[in-house]
């Protein structure tokens, strides 16, 4: 579903990478996407099960991601930020949020 180096899509019928296909058919992205992503579609598509708790992830914004990648590419291999979206394929209950700051501080001090 994208051209991200860690999960690039391949077109099954031709075994062509999506990145190669887009480079041969740049109009498919439309002018706004083409301009914003420099002719790439840098998405990493994941399907996750919510039958078990999912880990909390914190990602830097685009500017910080670029800076971290520039300074230490071995640990920050991607210069992109990682906005995320969840789409439910079936009914489920989700819990979002954090404990009150005072309670978090209390737990950190007691450990």
PDB file of N, CA and C in Angstrom:
ATOM      1  N   UNK A   1       0.822  -1.190   0.000  1.00  0.00           N
ATOM      2  CA  UNK A   1       0.000   0.000   0.000  1.00  0.00           C
ATOM      3  C   UNK A   1       0.863   1.250   0.000  1.00  0.00           C
ATOM      4  N   UNK A   2       2.170   1.089  -0.211  1.00  0.00           N
ATOM      5  CA  UNK A   2       3.065   2.234  -0.220  1.00  0.00           C
ATOM      6  C   UNK A   2       4.445   1.847  -0.709  1.00  0.00           C
ATOM      7  N   UNK A   3       5.355   2.810  -0.675  1.00  0.00           N
ATOM      8  CA  UNK A   3       6.719   2.588  -1.154  1.00  0.00           C
ATOM      9  C   UNK A   3       7.740   2.666  -0.027  1.00  0.00           C
ATOM     10  N   UNK A   4       7.296   2.505   1.210  1.00  0.00           N
ATOM     11  CA  UNK A   4       8.199   2.569   2.351  1.00  0.00           C
ATOM     12  C   UNK A   4       9.241   1.455   2.231  1.00  0.00           C
ATOM     13  N   UNK A   5      10.531   1.758   2.484  1.00  0.00           N
ATOM     14  CA  UNK A   5      11.589   0.748   2.331  1.00  0.00           C
ATOM     15  C   UNK A   5      11.391  -0.506   3.183  1.00  0.00           C
ATOM     16  N   UNK A   6      10.700  -0.397   4.297  1.00  0.00           N
ATOM     17  CA  UNK A   6      10.511  -1.562   5.172  1.00  0.00           C
ATOM     18  C   UNK A   6       9.229  -2.339   4.885  1.00  0.00           C
ATOM     19  N   UNK A   7       8.551  -1.982   3.843  1.00  0.00           N
ATOM     20  CA  UNK A   7       7.322  -2.697   3.515  1.00  0.00           C
ATOM     21  C   UNK A   7       6.775  -2.259   2.177  1.00  0.00           C
ATOM     22  N   UNK A   8       7.637  -2.197   1.185  1.00  0.00           N
ATOM     23  CA  UNK A   8       7.221  -1.718  -0.131  1.00  0.00           C
ATOM     24  C   UNK A   8       6.254  -2.700  -0.783  1.00  0.00           C
ATOM     25  N   UNK A   9       5.249  -2.153  -1.421  1.00  0.00           N
ATOM     26  CA  UNK A   9       4.254  -2.968  -2.110  1.00  0.00           C
ATOM     27  C   UNK A   9       4.776  -3.411  -3.466  1.00  0.00           C
ATOM     28  N   UNK A  10       4.271  -4.567  -3.894  1.00  0.00           N
ATOM     29  CA  UNK A  10       4.614  -5.117  -5.206  1.00  0.00           C
ATOM     30  C   UNK A  10       3.313  -5.410  -5.929  1.00  0.00           C
ATOM     31  N   UNK A  11       3.267  -5.105  -7.206  1.00  0.00           N
ATOM     32  CA  UNK A  11       2.091  -5.398  -8.024  1.00  0.00           C
ATOM     33  C   UNK A  11       2.186  -6.866  -8.435  1.00  0.00           C
ATOM     34  N   UNK A  12       1.252  -7.664  -7.973  1.00  0.00           N
ATOM     35  CA  UNK A  12       1.334  -9.122  -8.097  1.00  0.00           C
ATOM     36  C   UNK A  12       1.426  -9.607  -9.549  1.00  0.00           C
ATOM     37  N   UNK A  13       0.610  -9.063 -10.429  1.00  0.00           N
ATOM     38  CA  UNK A  13       0.581  -9.557 -11.820  1.00  0.00           C
ATOM     39  C   UNK A  13       1.911  -9.382 -12.543  1.00  0.00           C
ATOM     40  N   UNK A  14       2.623  -8.304 -12.227  1.00  0.00           N
ATOM     41  CA  UNK A  14       3.855  -8.003 -12.961  1.00  0.00           C
ATOM     42  C   UNK A  14       5.110  -8.150 -12.108  1.00  0.00           C
ATOM     43  N   UNK A  15       4.930  -8.362 -10.796  1.00  0.00           N
ATOM     44  CA  UNK A  15       6.046  -8.418  -9.839  1.00  0.00           C
ATOM     45  C   UNK A  15       6.875  -7.128  -9.876  1.00  0.00           C
ATOM     46  N   UNK A  16       6.219  -6.025 -10.211  1.00  0.00           N
ATOM     47  CA  UNK A  16       6.858  -4.710 -10.260  1.00  0.00           C
ATOM     48  C   UNK A  16       6.647  -4.023  -8.925  1.00  0.00           C
ATOM     49  N   UNK A  17       7.667  -3.370  -8.413  1.00  0.00           N
ATOM     50  CA  UNK A  17       7.489  -2.629  -7.164  1.00  0.00           C
ATOM     51  C   UNK A  17       6.556  -1.453  -7.418  1.00  0.00           C
ATOM     52  N   UNK A  18       5.809  -1.098  -6.391  1.00  0.00           N
ATOM     53  CA  UNK A  18       4.908   0.046  -6.528  1.00  0.00           C
ATOM     54  C   UNK A  18       5.707   1.313  -6.819  1.00  0.00           C
ATOM     55  N   UNK A  19       6.882   1.439  -6.198  1.00  0.00           N
ATOM     56  CA  UNK A  19       7.725   2.609  -6.446  1.00  0.00           C
ATOM     57  C   UNK A  19       8.100   2.718  -7.922  1.00  0.00           C
ATOM     58  N   UNK A  20       8.479   1.584  -8.532  1.00  0.00           N
ATOM     59  CA  UNK A  20       8.837   1.592  -9.952  1.00  0.00           C
ATOM     60  C   UNK A  20       7.627   1.931 -10.810  1.00  0.00           C
ATOM     61  N   UNK A  21       6.468   1.350 -10.470  1.00  0.00           N
ATOM     62  CA  UNK A  21       5.266   1.613 -11.245  1.00  0.00           C
ATOM     63  C   UNK A  21       4.881   3.087 -11.164  1.00  0.00           C
ATOM     64  N   UNK A  22       4.969   3.665  -9.959  1.00  0.00           N
ATOM     65  CA  UNK A  22       4.637   5.088  -9.796  1.00  0.00           C
ATOM     66  C   UNK A  22       5.607   5.950 -10.598  1.00  0.00           C
ATOM     67  N   UNK A  23       6.892   5.588 -10.597  1.00  0.00           N
ATOM     68  CA  UNK A  23       7.864   6.388 -11.361  1.00  0.00           C
ATOM     69  C   UNK A  23       7.552   6.350 -12.857  1.00  0.00           C
ATOM     70  N   UNK A  24       6.942   5.260 -13.332  1.00  0.00           N
ATOM     71  CA  UNK A  24       6.560   5.145 -14.742  1.00  0.00           C
ATOM     72  C   UNK A  24       5.181   5.749 -15.018  1.00  0.00           C
ATOM     73  N   UNK A  25       4.402   5.968 -13.969  1.00  0.00           N
ATOM     74  CA  UNK A  25       3.041   6.504 -14.093  1.00  0.00           C
ATOM     75  C   UNK A  25       2.802   7.590 -13.048  1.00  0.00           C
ATOM     76  N   UNK A  26       3.614   8.650 -13.042  1.00  0.00           N
ATOM     77  CA  UNK A  26       3.544   9.636 -11.963  1.00  0.00           C
ATOM     78  C   UNK A  26       2.199  10.350 -11.839  1.00  0.00           C
ATOM     79  N   UNK A  27       1.445  10.405 -12.907  1.00  0.00           N
ATOM     80  CA  UNK A  27       0.142  11.078 -12.856  1.00  0.00           C
ATOM     81  C   UNK A  27      -0.836  10.364 -11.931  1.00  0.00           C
ATOM     82  N   UNK A  28      -0.565   9.113 -11.600  1.00  0.00           N
ATOM     83  CA  UNK A  28      -1.482   8.350 -10.739  1.00  0.00           C
ATOM     84  C   UNK A  28      -1.585   8.954  -9.347  1.00  0.00           C
ATOM     85  N   UNK A  29      -0.562   9.668  -8.911  1.00  0.00           N
ATOM     86  CA  UNK A  29      -0.571  10.256  -7.574  1.00  0.00           C
ATOM     87  C   UNK A  29      -1.376  11.538  -7.492  1.00  0.00           C
ATOM     88  N   UNK A  30      -1.556  12.209  -8.598  1.00  0.00           N
ATOM     89  CA  UNK A  30      -2.173  13.531  -8.572  1.00  0.00           C
ATOM     90  C   UNK A  30      -1.123  14.571  -8.215  1.00  0.00           C
ATOM     91  N   UNK A  31      -1.349  15.789  -8.601  1.00  0.00           N
ATOM     92  CA  UNK A  31      -0.324  16.827  -8.454  1.00  0.00           C
ATOM     93  C   UNK A  31       0.022  17.142  -6.999  1.00  0.00           C
ATOM     94  N   UNK A  32      -0.963  17.161  -6.107  1.00  0.00           N
ATOM     95  CA  UNK A  32      -0.679  17.509  -4.705  1.00  0.00           C
ATOM     96  C   UNK A  32       0.168  16.448  -4.011  1.00  0.00           C
ATOM     97  N   UNK A  33      -0.182  15.185  -4.203  1.00  0.00           N
ATOM     98  CA  UNK A  33       0.590  14.104  -3.591  1.00  0.00           C
ATOM     99  C   UNK A  33       1.971  14.031  -4.222  1.00  0.00           C
ATOM    100  N   UNK A  34       2.042  14.190  -5.538  1.00  0.00           N
ATOM    101  CA  UNK A  34       3.323  14.166  -6.248  1.00  0.00           C
ATOM    102  C   UNK A  34       4.269  15.230  -5.694  1.00  0.00           C
ATOM    103  N   UNK A  35       3.746  16.424  -5.501  1.00  0.00           N
ATOM    104  CA  UNK A  35       4.567  17.526  -4.983  1.00  0.00           C
ATOM    105  C   UNK A  35       4.960  17.298  -3.521  1.00  0.00           C
ATOM    106  N   UNK A  36       4.019  16.894  -2.718  1.00  0.00           N
ATOM    107  CA  UNK A  36       4.281  16.742  -1.283  1.00  0.00           C
ATOM    108  C   UNK A  36       5.274  15.629  -0.975  1.00  0.00           C
ATOM    109  N   UNK A  37       5.178  14.512  -1.701  1.00  0.00           N
ATOM    110  CA  UNK A  37       6.012  13.352  -1.390  1.00  0.00           C
ATOM    111  C   UNK A  37       7.086  13.087  -2.446  1.00  0.00           C
ATOM    112  N   UNK A  38       7.346  14.052  -3.297  1.00  0.00           N
ATOM    113  CA  UNK A  38       8.421  13.952  -4.303  1.00  0.00           C
ATOM    114  C   UNK A  38       8.309  12.692  -5.154  1.00  0.00           C
ATOM    115  N   UNK A  39       7.114  12.373  -5.588  1.00  0.00           N
ATOM    116  CA  UNK A  39       6.914  11.246  -6.485  1.00  0.00           C
ATOM    117  C   UNK A  39       6.931   9.890  -5.807  1.00  0.00           C
ATOM    118  N   UNK A  40       6.839   9.855  -4.498  1.00  0.00           N
ATOM    119  CA  UNK A  40       6.817   8.586  -3.764  1.00  0.00           C
ATOM    120  C   UNK A  40       5.528   8.503  -2.946  1.00  0.00           C
ATOM    121  N   UNK A  41       5.261   7.360  -2.407  1.00  0.00           N
ATOM    122  CA  UNK A  41       4.114   7.140  -1.549  1.00  0.00           C
ATOM    123  C   UNK A  41       4.644   6.451  -0.294  1.00  0.00           C
ATOM    124  N   UNK A  42       5.261   7.221   0.626  1.00  0.00           N
ATOM    125  CA  UNK A  42       6.050   6.642   1.719  1.00  0.00           C
ATOM    126  C   UNK A  42       5.221   6.110   2.892  1.00  0.00           C
ATOM    127  N   UNK A  43       4.243   5.274   2.599  1.00  0.00           N
ATOM    128  CA  UNK A  43       3.399   4.726   3.647  1.00  0.00           C
ATOM    129  C   UNK A  43       3.815   3.298   3.957  1.00  0.00           C
ATOM    130  N   UNK A  44       3.680   2.929   5.208  1.00  0.00           N
ATOM    131  CA  UNK A  44       3.913   1.560   5.651  1.00  0.00           C
ATOM    132  C   UNK A  44       2.584   1.052   6.182  1.00  0.00           C
ATOM    133  N   UNK A  45       2.001   0.098   5.493  1.00  0.00           N
ATOM    134  CA  UNK A  45       0.678  -0.412   5.820  1.00  0.00           C
ATOM    135  C   UNK A  45       0.813  -1.577   6.790  1.00  0.00           C
ATOM    136  N   UNK A  46       0.063  -1.530   7.876  1.00  0.00           N
ATOM    137  CA  UNK A  46       0.078  -2.605   8.864  1.00  0.00           C
ATOM    138  C   UNK A  46      -1.343  -3.011   9.189  1.00  0.00           C
ATOM    139  N   UNK A  47      -1.536  -4.288   9.396  1.00  0.00           N
ATOM    140  CA  UNK A  47      -2.812  -4.792   9.891  1.00  0.00           C
ATOM    141  C   UNK A  47      -2.528  -5.361  11.271  1.00  0.00           C
ATOM    142  N   UNK A  48      -3.170  -4.803  12.285  1.00  0.00           N
ATOM    143  CA  UNK A  48      -2.939  -5.216  13.663  1.00  0.00           C
ATOM    144  C   UNK A  48      -4.215  -5.776  14.261  1.00  0.00           C
ATOM    145  N   UNK A  49      -4.080  -6.741  15.111  1.00  0.00           N
ATOM    146  CA  UNK A  49      -5.216  -7.303  15.828  1.00  0.00           C
ATOM    147  C   UNK A  49      -5.355  -6.590  17.169  1.00  0.00           C
ATOM    148  N   UNK A  50      -6.569  -6.239  17.520  1.00  0.00           N
ATOM    149  CA  UNK A  50      -6.799  -5.617  18.817  1.00  0.00           C
ATOM    150  C   UNK A  50      -7.354  -6.626  19.823  1.00  0.00           C
ATOM    151  N   UNK A  51      -7.166  -7.913  19.550  1.00  0.00           N
ATOM    152  CA  UNK A  51      -7.571  -8.927  20.523  1.00  0.00           C
ATOM    153  C   UNK A  51      -6.702  -8.880  21.772  1.00  0.00           C
ATOM    154  N   UNK A  52      -5.513  -8.329  21.635  1.00  0.00           N
ATOM    155  CA  UNK A  52      -4.627  -8.115  22.774  1.00  0.00           C
ATOM    156  C   UNK A  52      -4.262  -6.635  22.804  1.00  0.00           C
ATOM    157  N   UNK A  53      -3.809  -6.163  23.925  1.00  0.00           N
ATOM    158  CA  UNK A  53      -3.441  -4.747  24.051  1.00  0.00           C
ATOM    159  C   UNK A  53      -2.323  -4.395  23.087  1.00  0.00           C
ATOM    160  N   UNK A  54      -2.423  -3.238  22.486  1.00  0.00           N
ATOM    161  CA  UNK A  54      -1.385  -2.746  21.588  1.00  0.00           C
ATOM    162  C   UNK A  54      -0.463  -1.817  22.364  1.00  0.00           C
ATOM    163  N   UNK A  55       0.798  -1.823  21.998  1.00  0.00           N
ATOM    164  CA  UNK A  55       1.760  -0.971  22.695  1.00  0.00           C
ATOM    165  C   UNK A  55       1.567   0.490  22.313  1.00  0.00           C
ATOM    166  N   UNK A  56       1.929   1.348  23.227  1.00  0.00           N
ATOM    167  CA  UNK A  56       1.907   2.783  22.957  1.00  0.00           C
ATOM    168  C   UNK A  56       3.186   3.123  22.206  1.00  0.00           C
ATOM    169  N   UNK A  57       3.059   3.883  21.155  1.00  0.00           N
ATOM    170  CA  UNK A  57       4.222   4.303  20.393  1.00  0.00           C
ATOM    171  C   UNK A  57       4.240   5.817  20.327  1.00  0.00           C
ATOM    172  N   UNK A  58       5.420   6.369  20.455  1.00  0.00           N
ATOM    173  CA  UNK A  58       5.593   7.816  20.328  1.00  0.00           C
ATOM    174  C   UNK A  58       6.571   8.060  19.191  1.00  0.00           C
ATOM    175  N   UNK A  59       6.179   8.889  18.247  1.00  0.00           N
ATOM    176  CA  UNK A  59       7.017   9.185  17.101  1.00  0.00           C
ATOM    177  C   UNK A  59       7.280  10.685  17.031  1.00  0.00           C
ATOM    178  N   UNK A  60       8.455  11.067  16.549  1.00  0.00           N
ATOM    179  CA  UNK A  60       8.755  12.499  16.418  1.00  0.00           C
ATOM    180  C   UNK A  60       7.966  13.116  15.264  1.00  0.00           C
ATOM    181  N   UNK A  61       7.831  14.438  15.313  1.00  0.00           N
ATOM    182  CA  UNK A  61       7.214  15.115  14.176  1.00  0.00           C
ATOM    183  C   UNK A  61       8.208  15.117  13.010  1.00  0.00           C
ATOM    184  N   UNK A  62       7.803  15.605  11.854  1.00  0.00           N
ATOM    185  CA  UNK A  62       8.630  15.544  10.640  1.00  0.00           C
ATOM    186  C   UNK A  62       9.970  16.242  10.832  1.00  0.00           C
ATOM    187  N   UNK A  63       9.975  17.434  11.409  1.00  0.00           N
ATOM    188  CA  UNK A  63      11.221  18.187  11.577  1.00  0.00           C
ATOM    189  C   UNK A  63      12.195  17.438  12.485  1.00  0.00           C
ATOM    190  N   UNK A  64      11.702  16.906  13.592  1.00  0.00           N
ATOM    191  CA  UNK A  64      12.576  16.171  14.506  1.00  0.00           C
ATOM    192  C   UNK A  64      13.028  14.856  13.883  1.00  0.00           C
ATOM    193  N   UNK A  65      12.159  14.180  13.148  1.00  0.00           N
ATOM    194  CA  UNK A  65      12.538  12.933  12.476  1.00  0.00           C
ATOM    195  C   UNK A  65      13.679  13.181  11.497  1.00  0.00           C
ATOM    196  N   UNK A  66      13.598  14.272  10.741  1.00  0.00           N
ATOM    197  CA  UNK A  66      14.668  14.612   9.801  1.00  0.00           C
ATOM    198  C   UNK A  66      15.977  14.892  10.536  1.00  0.00           C
ATOM    199  N   UNK A  67      15.901  15.621  11.643  1.00  0.00           N
ATOM    200  CA  UNK A  67      17.099  15.952  12.422  1.00  0.00           C
ATOM    201  C   UNK A  67      17.722  14.696  13.036  1.00  0.00           C
ATOM    202  N   UNK A  68      16.914  13.845  13.640  1.00  0.00           N
ATOM    203  CA  UNK A  68      17.430  12.612  14.242  1.00  0.00           C
ATOM    204  C   UNK A  68      18.055  11.706  13.190  1.00  0.00           C
ATOM    205  N   UNK A  69      17.424  11.610  12.034  1.00  0.00           N
ATOM    206  CA  UNK A  69      17.960  10.793  10.942  1.00  0.00           C
ATOM    207  C   UNK A  69      19.298  11.354  10.456  1.00  0.00           C
ATOM    208  N   UNK A  70      19.381  12.666  10.348  1.00  0.00           N
ATOM    209  CA  UNK A  70      20.626  13.308   9.898  1.00  0.00           C
ATOM    210  C   UNK A  70      21.752  13.037  10.888  1.00  0.00           C
ATOM    211  N   UNK A  71      21.446  13.106  12.195  1.00  0.00           N
ATOM    212  CA  UNK A  71      22.471  12.930  13.228  1.00  0.00           C
ATOM    213  C   UNK A  71      22.847  11.479  13.477  1.00  0.00           C
ATOM    214  N   UNK A  72      21.883  10.557  13.319  1.00  0.00           N
ATOM    215  CA  UNK A  72      22.139   9.161  13.696  1.00  0.00           C
ATOM    216  C   UNK A  72      21.266   8.222  12.872  1.00  0.00           C
ATOM    217  N   UNK A  73      21.596   8.081  11.594  1.00  0.00           N
ATOM    218  CA  UNK A  73      20.785   7.275  10.682  1.00  0.00           C
ATOM    219  C   UNK A  73      20.754   5.795  11.074  1.00  0.00           C
ATOM    220  N   UNK A  74      21.760   5.332  11.804  1.00  0.00           N
ATOM    221  CA  UNK A  74      21.777   3.928  12.220  1.00  0.00           C
ATOM    222  C   UNK A  74      20.627   3.626  13.175  1.00  0.00           C
ATOM    223  N   UNK A  75      20.272   4.584  14.026  1.00  0.00           N
ATOM    224  CA  UNK A  75      19.181   4.387  14.975  1.00  0.00           C
ATOM    225  C   UNK A  75      17.864   4.994  14.506  1.00  0.00           C
ATOM    226  N   UNK A  76      17.932   5.965  13.617  1.00  0.00           N
ATOM    227  CA  UNK A  76      16.740   6.631  13.082  1.00  0.00           C
ATOM    228  C   UNK A  76      16.780   6.500  11.564  1.00  0.00           C
ATOM    229  N   UNK A  77      16.457   5.308  11.092  1.00  0.00           N
ATOM    230  CA  UNK A  77      16.629   4.982   9.675  1.00  0.00           C
ATOM    231  C   UNK A  77      15.683   5.741   8.750  1.00  0.00           C
ATOM    232  N   UNK A  78      14.630   6.293   9.301  1.00  0.00           N
ATOM    233  CA  UNK A  78      13.619   6.945   8.475  1.00  0.00           C
ATOM    234  C   UNK A  78      13.529   8.424   8.834  1.00  0.00           C
ATOM    235  N   UNK A  79      13.602   9.273   7.839  1.00  0.00           N
ATOM    236  CA  UNK A  79      13.525  10.718   8.084  1.00  0.00           C
ATOM    237  C   UNK A  79      12.086  11.230   8.083  1.00  0.00           C
ATOM    238  N   UNK A  80      11.136  10.332   7.976  1.00  0.00           N
ATOM    239  CA  UNK A  80       9.733  10.740   7.970  1.00  0.00           C
ATOM    240  C   UNK A  80       9.101  10.626   9.349  1.00  0.00           C
ATOM    241  N   UNK A  81       8.097  11.446   9.583  1.00  0.00           N
ATOM    242  CA  UNK A  81       7.277  11.299  10.768  1.00  0.00           C
ATOM    243  C   UNK A  81       6.364  10.093  10.532  1.00  0.00           C
ATOM    244  N   UNK A  82       5.605   9.720  11.509  1.00  0.00           N
ATOM    245  CA  UNK A  82       4.797   8.520  11.373  1.00  0.00           C
ATOM    246  C   UNK A  82       3.371   8.747  11.868  1.00  0.00           C
ATOM    247  N   UNK A  83       2.630   9.562  11.153  1.00  0.00           N
ATOM    248  CA  UNK A  83       1.232   9.712  11.555  1.00  0.00           C
ATOM    249  C   UNK A  83       0.531   8.368  11.388  1.00  0.00           C
ATOM    250  N   UNK A  84      -0.398   8.077  12.270  1.00  0.00           N
ATOM    251  CA  UNK A  84      -1.060   6.784  12.239  1.00  0.00           C
ATOM    252  C   UNK A  84      -2.564   6.958  12.178  1.00  0.00           C
ATOM    253  N   UNK A  85      -3.214   5.947  11.622  1.00  0.00           N
ATOM    254  CA  UNK A  85      -4.657   5.952  11.497  1.00  0.00           C
ATOM    255  C   UNK A  85      -5.142   4.547  11.838  1.00  0.00           C
ATOM    256  N   UNK A  86      -6.228   4.447  12.540  1.00  0.00           N
ATOM    257  CA  UNK A  86      -6.819   3.151  12.853  1.00  0.00           C
ATOM    258  C   UNK A  86      -8.185   3.078  12.195  1.00  0.00           C
ATOM    259  N   UNK A  87      -8.436   1.976  11.534  1.00  0.00           N
ATOM    260  CA  UNK A  87      -9.731   1.746  10.905  1.00  0.00           C
ATOM    261  C   UNK A  87     -10.233   0.398  11.391  1.00  0.00           C
ATOM    262  N   UNK A  88     -11.369   0.391  12.028  1.00  0.00           N
ATOM    263  CA  UNK A  88     -11.936  -0.851  12.558  1.00  0.00           C
ATOM    264  C   UNK A  88     -12.593  -1.638  11.435  1.00  0.00           C
ATOM    265  N   UNK A  89     -12.239  -2.919  11.343  1.00  0.00           N
ATOM    266  CA  UNK A  89     -12.855  -3.792  10.349  1.00  0.00           C
ATOM    267  C   UNK A  89     -14.045  -4.546  10.928  1.00  0.00           C
ATOM    268  N   UNK A  90     -14.162  -4.499  12.246  1.00  0.00           N
ATOM    269  CA  UNK A  90     -15.302  -5.096  12.935  1.00  0.00           C
ATOM    270  C   UNK A  90     -15.532  -4.296  14.222  1.00  0.00           C
ATOM    271  N   UNK A  91     -16.612  -4.569  14.897  1.00  0.00           N
ATOM    272  CA  UNK A  91     -16.935  -3.830  16.124  1.00  0.00           C
ATOM    273  C   UNK A  91     -15.879  -4.107  17.196  1.00  0.00           C
ATOM    274  N   UNK A  92     -15.479  -3.068  17.905  1.00  0.00           N
ATOM    275  CA  UNK A  92     -14.558  -3.236  19.023  1.00  0.00           C
ATOM    276  C   UNK A  92     -14.667  -2.034  19.935  1.00  0.00           C
ATOM    277  N   UNK A  93     -14.192  -2.185  21.169  1.00  0.00           N
ATOM    278  CA  UNK A  93     -14.157  -1.078  22.115  1.00  0.00           C
ATOM    279  C   UNK A  93     -12.715  -0.641  22.267  1.00  0.00           C
ATOM    280  N   UNK A  94     -12.489   0.647  22.191  1.00  0.00           N
ATOM    281  CA  UNK A  94     -11.145   1.175  22.344  1.00  0.00           C
ATOM    282  C   UNK A  94     -11.062   2.100  23.542  1.00  0.00           C
ATOM    283  N   UNK A  95      -9.936   2.112  24.183  1.00  0.00           N
ATOM    284  CA  UNK A  95      -9.689   2.995  25.316  1.00  0.00           C
ATOM    285  C   UNK A  95      -8.507   3.875  24.957  1.00  0.00           C
ATOM    286  N   UNK A  96      -8.706   5.148  24.997  1.00  0.00           N
ATOM    287  CA  UNK A  96      -7.636   6.088  24.670  1.00  0.00           C
ATOM    288  C   UNK A  96      -7.428   7.018  25.851  1.00  0.00           C
ATOM    289  N   UNK A  97      -6.177   7.385  26.087  1.00  0.00           N
ATOM    290  CA  UNK A  97      -5.892   8.338  27.139  1.00  0.00           C
ATOM    291  C   UNK A  97      -4.819   7.850  28.078  1.00  0.00           C
ATOM    292  N   UNK A  98      -4.555   8.634  29.080  1.00  0.00           N
ATOM    293  CA  UNK A  98      -3.492   8.357  30.027  1.00  0.00           C
ATOM    294  C   UNK A  98      -4.017   8.524  31.444  1.00  0.00           C
ATOM    295  N   UNK A  99      -3.294   7.981  32.383  1.00  0.00           N
ATOM    296  CA  UNK A  99      -3.616   8.194  33.795  1.00  0.00           C
ATOM    297  C   UNK A  99      -3.333   9.663  34.126  1.00  0.00           C
ATOM    298  N   UNK A 100      -3.934  10.185  35.170  1.00  0.00           N
ATOM    299  CA  UNK A 100      -3.634  11.564  35.571  1.00  0.00           C
ATOM    300  C   UNK A 100      -2.126  11.720  35.853  1.00  0.00           C
ATOM    301  N   UNK A 101      -1.554  12.867  35.530  1.00  0.00           N
ATOM    302  CA  UNK A 101      -0.108  13.113  35.661  1.00  0.00           C
ATOM    303  C   UNK A 101       0.391  12.833  37.079  1.00  0.00           C
ATOM    304  N   UNK A 102      -0.370  13.212  38.086  1.00  0.00           N
ATOM    305  CA  UNK A 102       0.050  12.981  39.475  1.00  0.00           C
ATOM    306  C   UNK A 102       0.181  11.482  39.756  1.00  0.00           C
ATOM    307  N   UNK A 103      -0.721  10.692  39.228  1.00  0.00           N
ATOM    308  CA  UNK A 103      -0.661   9.248  39.437  1.00  0.00           C
ATOM    309  C   UNK A 103       0.553   8.647  38.718  1.00  0.00           C
ATOM    310  N   UNK A 104       0.842   9.116  37.528  1.00  0.00           N
ATOM    311  CA  UNK A 104       2.025   8.643  36.798  1.00  0.00           C
ATOM    312  C   UNK A 104       3.290   8.994  37.577  1.00  0.00           C
ATOM    313  N   UNK A 105       3.375  10.216  38.062  1.00  0.00           N
ATOM    314  CA  UNK A 105       4.544  10.647  38.836  1.00  0.00           C
ATOM    315  C   UNK A 105       4.717   9.802  40.093  1.00  0.00           C
ATOM    316  N   UNK A 106       3.607   9.493  40.757  1.00  0.00           N
ATOM    317  CA  UNK A 106       3.653   8.665  41.948  1.00  0.00           C
ATOM    318  C   UNK A 106       4.234   7.284  41.642  1.00  0.00           C
ATOM    319  N   UNK A 107       3.795   6.682  40.547  1.00  0.00           N
ATOM    320  CA  UNK A 107       4.300   5.366  40.161  1.00  0.00           C
ATOM    321  C   UNK A 107       5.784   5.431  39.807  1.00  0.00           C
ATOM    322  N   UNK A 108       6.216   6.474  39.130  1.00  0.00           N
ATOM    323  CA  UNK A 108       7.629   6.612  38.774  1.00  0.00           C
ATOM    324  C   UNK A 108       8.508   6.767  40.002  1.00  0.00           C
ATOM    325  N   UNK A 109       8.020   7.485  40.991  1.00  0.00           N
ATOM    326  CA  UNK A 109       8.807   7.709  42.216  1.00  0.00           C
ATOM    327  C   UNK A 109       8.868   6.462  43.072  1.00  0.00           C
ATOM    328  N   UNK A 110       7.843   5.604  42.998  1.00  0.00           N
ATOM    329  CA  UNK A 110       7.818   4.431  43.870  1.00  0.00           C
ATOM    330  C   UNK A 110       8.622   3.255  43.297  1.00  0.00           C
ATOM    331  N   UNK A 111       8.990   3.322  42.050  1.00  0.00           N
ATOM    332  CA  UNK A 111       9.726   2.221  41.407  1.00  0.00           C
ATOM    333  C   UNK A 111      11.182   2.258  41.740  1.00  0.00           C
TER     334      UNK A 111
END
